[in-house]
Amino acid sequence: MKKCFVGRRSFLKTAAAAFAAPTIITSAALGAQGRPAANERVVLGGIGLGKQGQGDLIGFISDKRVQVVAVCDVKENCLGRAQKSVNSRYGNQDCKRYVDYRELLARDDVDMIMCATPDHWHAQIAIDSMKSGKDVYCEKPLTLTIAEGRKIVDVARRYGRICSGGSQRVIGDYGTAACSARSGRFGKIVAAYANPGPPSIHCHLPGQPIPANMLSWDLWLGPAPWAPYHGYRASGGWSVAANNVWRSFYD
């Protein structure tokens, strides 16, 4: 990617010198007001824009080193909100929207994918993104199985891509406690306990009519076994104890 950036940067400098900066190159593209020039920014597409994804998106569009150009989700309310956030930030209507993530990956102008879909999609989207030449930032948990994790590593190495799994809890929420423990502040630590919550359960919910805002139930399910739509299956949340959010159910 570095070589690509250098090549494009050199081209812009040469073009500016030869043609005295044609008016089609805007001040924003050339890096006005401290913002990196367009060829210096990471061009990003976001996939999965519910609660966590929208928060990630706001973080990326607030970073001057990033240019968000596309958003993708299978829920109309999430997709519309994300597109509006991007366009409002940049003051234009340039952000494209997609329901099928494969159409976003087909773009050759995107450098990086942010994936914040439900967990069962993480590995597949990360792998497909790297195969299409994109680097990846994927929300936690990066995978559901060790085998999926090994596959991601293998694909990243084979295609020379970067795949980063995010977790704000490592540094943000619990980092202070970890540093205090290492410093000896708590004395000698003889045991540590973790509470990830109860295991997920099998789902026997009956089918419900698919609402208008669900643009593709089949794409929401993706690699998961087919099941009839139910609002609890597709509702966002982090708990595995409530039995009314997708993470509660084993499949």
Protein backbone atom coordinates (compact mmCIF):
# COMPACT_ATOMS: atom_id res chain seq x y z
CA MET A 1 0.00 0.00 0.00
CA LYS A 2 2.89 2.34 0.78
CA LYS A 3 4.29 2.02 -2.72
CA CYS A 4 0.84 2.72 -4.14
CA PHE A 5 0.53 5.87 -2.02
CA VAL A 6 3.96 7.09 -3.10
CA GLY A 7 3.10 6.54 -6.75
CA ARG A 8 -0.16 8.45 -6.59
CA ARG A 9 1.39 11.24 -4.51
CA SER A 10 4.17 11.67 -7.03
CA PHE A 11 1.64 11.76 -9.83
CA LEU A 12 -0.38 14.52 -8.17
CA LYS A 13 2.74 16.61 -7.57
CA THR A 14 3.79 16.23 -11.18
CA ALA A 15 0.31 17.03 -12.45
CA ALA A 16 0.04 20.10 -10.23
CA ALA A 17 3.37 21.42 -11.49
CA ALA A 18 2.57 20.78 -15.13
CA PHE A 19 -0.98 22.11 -15.17
CA ALA A 20 -0.93 24.63 -12.31
CA ALA A 21 -3.43 22.64 -10.20
CA PRO A 22 -6.50 22.28 -12.41
CA THR A 23 -9.74 23.33 -10.76
CA ILE A 24 -11.12 19.78 -10.80
CA ILE A 25 -8.71 18.99 -7.93
CA THR A 26 -10.40 20.50 -4.89
CA SER A 27 -8.67 21.95 -1.85
CA ALA A 28 -10.03 19.04 0.19
CA ALA A 29 -8.49 16.54 -2.21
CA LEU A 30 -5.13 18.28 -1.98
CA GLY A 31 -5.22 18.35 1.82
CA ALA A 32 -6.67 21.64 3.03
CA GLN A 33 -6.97 22.66 6.69
CA GLY A 34 -4.68 19.95 8.00
CA ARG A 35 -6.57 17.09 6.36
CA PRO A 36 -4.35 14.60 4.48
CA ALA A 37 -4.66 14.69 0.72
CA ALA A 38 -7.09 12.20 -0.80
CA ASN A 39 -4.32 9.88 -1.95
CA GLU A 40 -2.93 9.81 1.60
CA ARG A 41 -6.17 8.65 3.25
CA VAL A 42 -7.36 5.12 3.88
CA VAL A 43 -10.54 4.59 1.86
CA LEU A 44 -12.98 2.59 3.98
CA GLY A 45 -16.26 0.74 3.57
CA GLY A 46 -18.37 -0.27 6.58
CA ILE A 47 -20.28 -3.56 6.79
CA GLY A 48 -22.71 -4.13 9.66
CA LEU A 49 -23.90 -0.83 11.09
CA GLY A 50 -26.05 -1.58 14.10
CA LYS A 51 -25.21 -0.37 17.60
CA GLN A 52 -21.51 -1.22 17.63
CA GLY A 53 -21.01 -0.59 13.93
CA GLN A 54 -22.48 2.89 14.09
CA GLY A 55 -20.15 3.73 16.96
CA ASP A 56 -17.16 2.44 15.00
CA LEU A 57 -18.28 4.38 11.94
CA ILE A 58 -18.44 7.65 13.85
CA GLY A 59 -14.90 7.00 15.05
CA PHE A 60 -13.62 6.41 11.53
CA ILE A 61 -15.33 9.40 9.90
CA SER A 62 -13.93 11.58 12.69
CA ASP A 63 -10.39 10.53 11.75
CA LYS A 64 -8.89 12.81 9.10
CA ARG A 65 -6.73 9.95 7.85
CA VAL A 66 -9.81 7.98 6.77
CA GLN A 67 -12.31 8.55 3.95
CA VAL A 68 -15.52 6.50 4.28
CA VAL A 69 -17.08 5.96 0.86
CA ALA A 70 -19.58 3.12 1.35
CA VAL A 71 -21.85 1.48 3.93
CA CYS A 72 -23.54 -1.91 3.90
CA ASP A 73 -26.28 -3.45 6.02
CA VAL A 74 -29.34 -5.67 5.59
CA LYS A 75 -31.53 -3.46 7.77
CA GLU A 76 -32.92 -0.29 6.22
CA ASN A 77 -32.85 1.73 9.44
CA CYS A 78 -29.18 0.90 10.08
CA LEU A 79 -28.20 1.48 6.46
CA GLY A 80 -29.99 4.80 6.14
CA ARG A 81 -28.64 6.10 9.45
CA ALA A 82 -25.07 5.19 8.53
CA GLN A 83 -25.27 6.77 5.08
CA LYS A 84 -26.71 9.95 6.59
CA SER A 85 -23.93 10.08 9.19
CA VAL A 86 -21.22 9.85 6.52
CA ASN A 87 -22.80 12.37 4.15
CA SER A 88 -23.46 14.81 6.98
CA ARG A 89 -19.87 14.59 8.11
CA TYR A 90 -18.43 15.25 4.65
CA GLY A 91 -21.13 17.67 3.51
CA ASN A 92 -21.99 15.77 0.34
CA GLN A 93 -24.06 12.84 -0.96
CA ASP A 94 -21.17 10.66 -2.11
CA CYS A 95 -21.51 7.71 0.30
CA LYS A 96 -22.85 4.66 -1.52
CA ARG A 97 -25.09 2.09 0.16
CA TYR A 98 -25.19 -1.66 -0.33
CA VAL A 99 -27.28 -4.53 0.96
CA ASP A 100 -25.03 -7.31 -0.37
CA TYR A 101 -21.50 -6.90 1.00
CA ARG A 102 -20.03 -8.62 -2.05
CA GLU A 103 -20.99 -5.62 -4.19
CA LEU A 104 -18.99 -3.37 -1.88
CA LEU A 105 -16.00 -5.72 -2.00
CA ALA A 106 -16.08 -5.57 -5.81
CA ARG A 107 -15.03 -1.91 -5.67
CA ASP A 108 -11.35 -1.44 -6.45
CA ASP A 109 -11.14 1.98 -4.78
CA VAL A 110 -11.67 0.68 -1.23
CA ASP A 111 -8.56 -0.02 0.88
CA MET A 112 -10.12 -1.28 4.09
CA ILE A 113 -13.28 -2.89 5.46
CA MET A 114 -14.79 -2.31 8.88
CA CYS A 115 -16.88 -5.34 9.88
CA ALA A 116 -19.31 -5.06 12.80
CA THR A 117 -21.93 -7.58 11.76
CA PRO A 118 -23.37 -10.22 14.11
CA ASP A 119 -20.67 -12.68 15.15
CA HIS A 120 -21.55 -15.51 12.77
CA TRP A 121 -20.58 -13.35 9.77
CA HIS A 122 -17.18 -12.13 11.01
CA ALA A 123 -14.88 -14.83 9.64
CA GLN A 124 -16.51 -15.06 6.22
CA ILE A 125 -16.53 -11.31 5.62
CA ALA A 126 -12.95 -10.92 6.87
CA ILE A 127 -11.74 -13.68 4.55
CA ASP A 128 -13.69 -12.43 1.53
CA SER A 129 -12.45 -8.88 2.16
CA MET A 130 -8.80 -9.92 2.23
CA LYS A 131 -9.22 -12.04 -0.89
CA SER A 132 -10.59 -8.96 -2.64
CA GLY A 133 -7.49 -6.95 -1.70
CA LYS A 134 -8.80 -5.13 1.37
CA ASP A 135 -7.38 -4.84 4.86
CA VAL A 136 -9.85 -5.51 7.70
CA TYR A 137 -10.86 -4.15 11.06
CA CYS A 138 -13.33 -6.61 12.59
CA GLU A 139 -15.27 -6.31 15.82
CA LYS A 140 -14.99 -8.79 18.66
CA PRO A 141 -15.23 -11.74 18.72
CA LEU A 142 -13.13 -12.04 15.61
CA THR A 143 -14.23 -15.66 15.13
CA LEU A 144 -16.51 -18.26 16.67
CA THR A 145 -13.99 -21.11 16.46
CA ILE A 146 -10.24 -21.67 16.53
CA ALA A 147 -10.44 -23.13 13.02
CA GLU A 148 -11.94 -19.88 11.70
CA GLY A 149 -9.12 -17.96 13.34
CA ARG A 150 -6.48 -20.11 11.67
CA LYS A 151 -8.18 -19.63 8.32
CA ILE A 152 -8.10 -15.84 8.75
CA VAL A 153 -4.38 -15.96 9.58
CA ASP A 154 -3.67 -18.17 6.57
CA VAL A 155 -5.59 -15.90 4.20
CA ALA A 156 -3.97 -12.74 5.59
CA ARG A 157 -0.52 -14.21 4.99
CA ARG A 158 -1.34 -15.58 1.57
CA TYR A 159 -2.78 -12.30 0.28
CA GLY A 160 -0.48 -9.97 2.21
CA ARG A 161 -3.30 -8.23 4.07
CA ILE A 162 -3.78 -6.79 7.55
CA CYS A 163 -6.61 -8.13 9.71
CA SER A 164 -7.16 -6.48 13.07
CA GLY A 165 -9.61 -7.64 15.73
CA GLY A 166 -10.87 -4.85 17.93
CA SER A 167 -11.70 -4.92 21.63
CA GLN A 168 -11.99 -1.71 23.58
CA ARG A 169 -12.06 -3.71 26.82
CA VAL A 170 -8.42 -4.78 26.51
CA ILE A 171 -7.11 -1.25 27.01
CA GLY A 172 -10.09 1.01 27.56
CA ASP A 173 -12.26 -0.75 30.15
CA TYR A 174 -9.85 -3.07 31.92
CA GLY A 175 -6.45 -1.71 30.98
CA THR A 176 -6.05 0.29 34.18
CA ALA A 177 -6.81 -2.72 36.34
CA ALA A 178 -4.33 -4.86 34.38
CA CYS A 179 -1.59 -2.25 34.75
CA SER A 180 -2.28 -1.96 38.47
CA ALA A 181 -2.07 -5.72 38.85
CA ARG A 182 1.26 -5.87 37.02
CA SER A 183 2.66 -3.02 39.08
CA GLY A 184 2.14 -4.93 42.32
CA ARG A 185 -0.49 -2.56 43.63
CA PHE A 186 -2.77 -5.47 44.55
CA GLY A 187 0.00 -7.54 46.08
CA LYS A 188 0.63 -11.11 45.02
CA ILE A 189 -2.19 -12.34 42.79
CA VAL A 190 -2.87 -16.04 43.31
CA ALA A 191 -6.05 -16.51 41.25
CA ALA A 192 -8.11 -14.85 38.52
CA TYR A 193 -11.72 -15.47 37.59
CA ALA A 194 -13.66 -14.73 34.40
CA ASN A 195 -17.42 -14.57 33.93
CA PRO A 196 -18.36 -14.68 30.24
CA GLY A 197 -22.01 -15.42 31.04
CA PRO A 198 -24.05 -18.54 30.35
CA PRO A 199 -23.78 -20.51 27.11
CA SER A 200 -26.11 -19.75 24.23
CA ILE A 201 -29.19 -21.94 23.76
CA HIS A 202 -30.96 -23.64 20.87
CA CYS A 203 -33.69 -21.49 19.38
CA HIS A 204 -37.21 -22.81 18.89
CA LEU A 205 -38.94 -19.52 18.19
CA PRO A 206 -41.79 -19.66 15.65
CA GLY A 207 -41.60 -17.74 12.41
CA GLN A 208 -42.85 -14.17 12.07
CA PRO A 209 -43.54 -11.99 9.02
CA ILE A 210 -40.35 -10.33 7.82
CA PRO A 211 -40.67 -6.56 8.45
CA ALA A 212 -40.15 -4.02 5.71
CA ASN A 213 -36.93 -2.71 7.23
CA MET A 214 -35.28 -6.17 6.94
CA LEU A 215 -33.93 -5.90 3.41
CA SER A 216 -32.62 -9.46 3.20
CA TRP A 217 -33.23 -12.12 5.85
CA ASP A 218 -31.19 -14.65 3.88
CA LEU A 219 -28.18 -12.32 3.93
CA TRP A 220 -28.65 -11.68 7.64
CA LEU A 221 -28.45 -15.45 8.25
CA GLY A 222 -25.54 -15.91 5.85
CA PRO A 223 -23.40 -18.86 6.98
CA ALA A 224 -25.78 -19.72 9.84
CA PRO A 225 -28.34 -22.53 9.33
CA TRP A 226 -31.56 -21.35 7.74
CA ALA A 227 -34.30 -20.48 10.21
CA PRO A 228 -37.55 -18.54 9.97
CA TYR A 229 -37.41 -14.86 10.82
CA HIS A 230 -38.21 -13.81 14.36
CA GLY A 231 -37.59 -10.39 15.85
CA TYR A 232 -35.59 -11.85 18.75
CA ARG A 233 -33.21 -13.59 16.36
CA ALA A 234 -32.29 -10.34 14.65
CA SER A 235 -32.40 -7.95 17.60
CA GLY A 236 -29.15 -6.33 18.66
CA GLY A 237 -27.52 -6.68 22.03
CA TRP A 238 -24.59 -8.16 23.88
CA SER A 239 -26.18 -10.41 26.48
CA VAL A 240 -26.45 -14.18 26.17
CA ALA A 241 -28.80 -14.40 29.12
CA ALA A 242 -31.77 -12.37 27.91
CA ASN A 243 -32.98 -14.95 25.33
CA ASN A 244 -34.26 -12.15 23.14
CA VAL A 245 -31.13 -11.10 21.23
CA TRP A 246 -29.30 -12.94 18.44
CA ARG A 247 -26.28 -13.71 20.62
CA SER A 248 -28.49 -15.80 22.93
CA PHE A 249 -28.98 -18.49 20.30
CA TYR A 250 -26.46 -21.17 19.46
CA ASP A 251 -26.98 -21.24 15.68
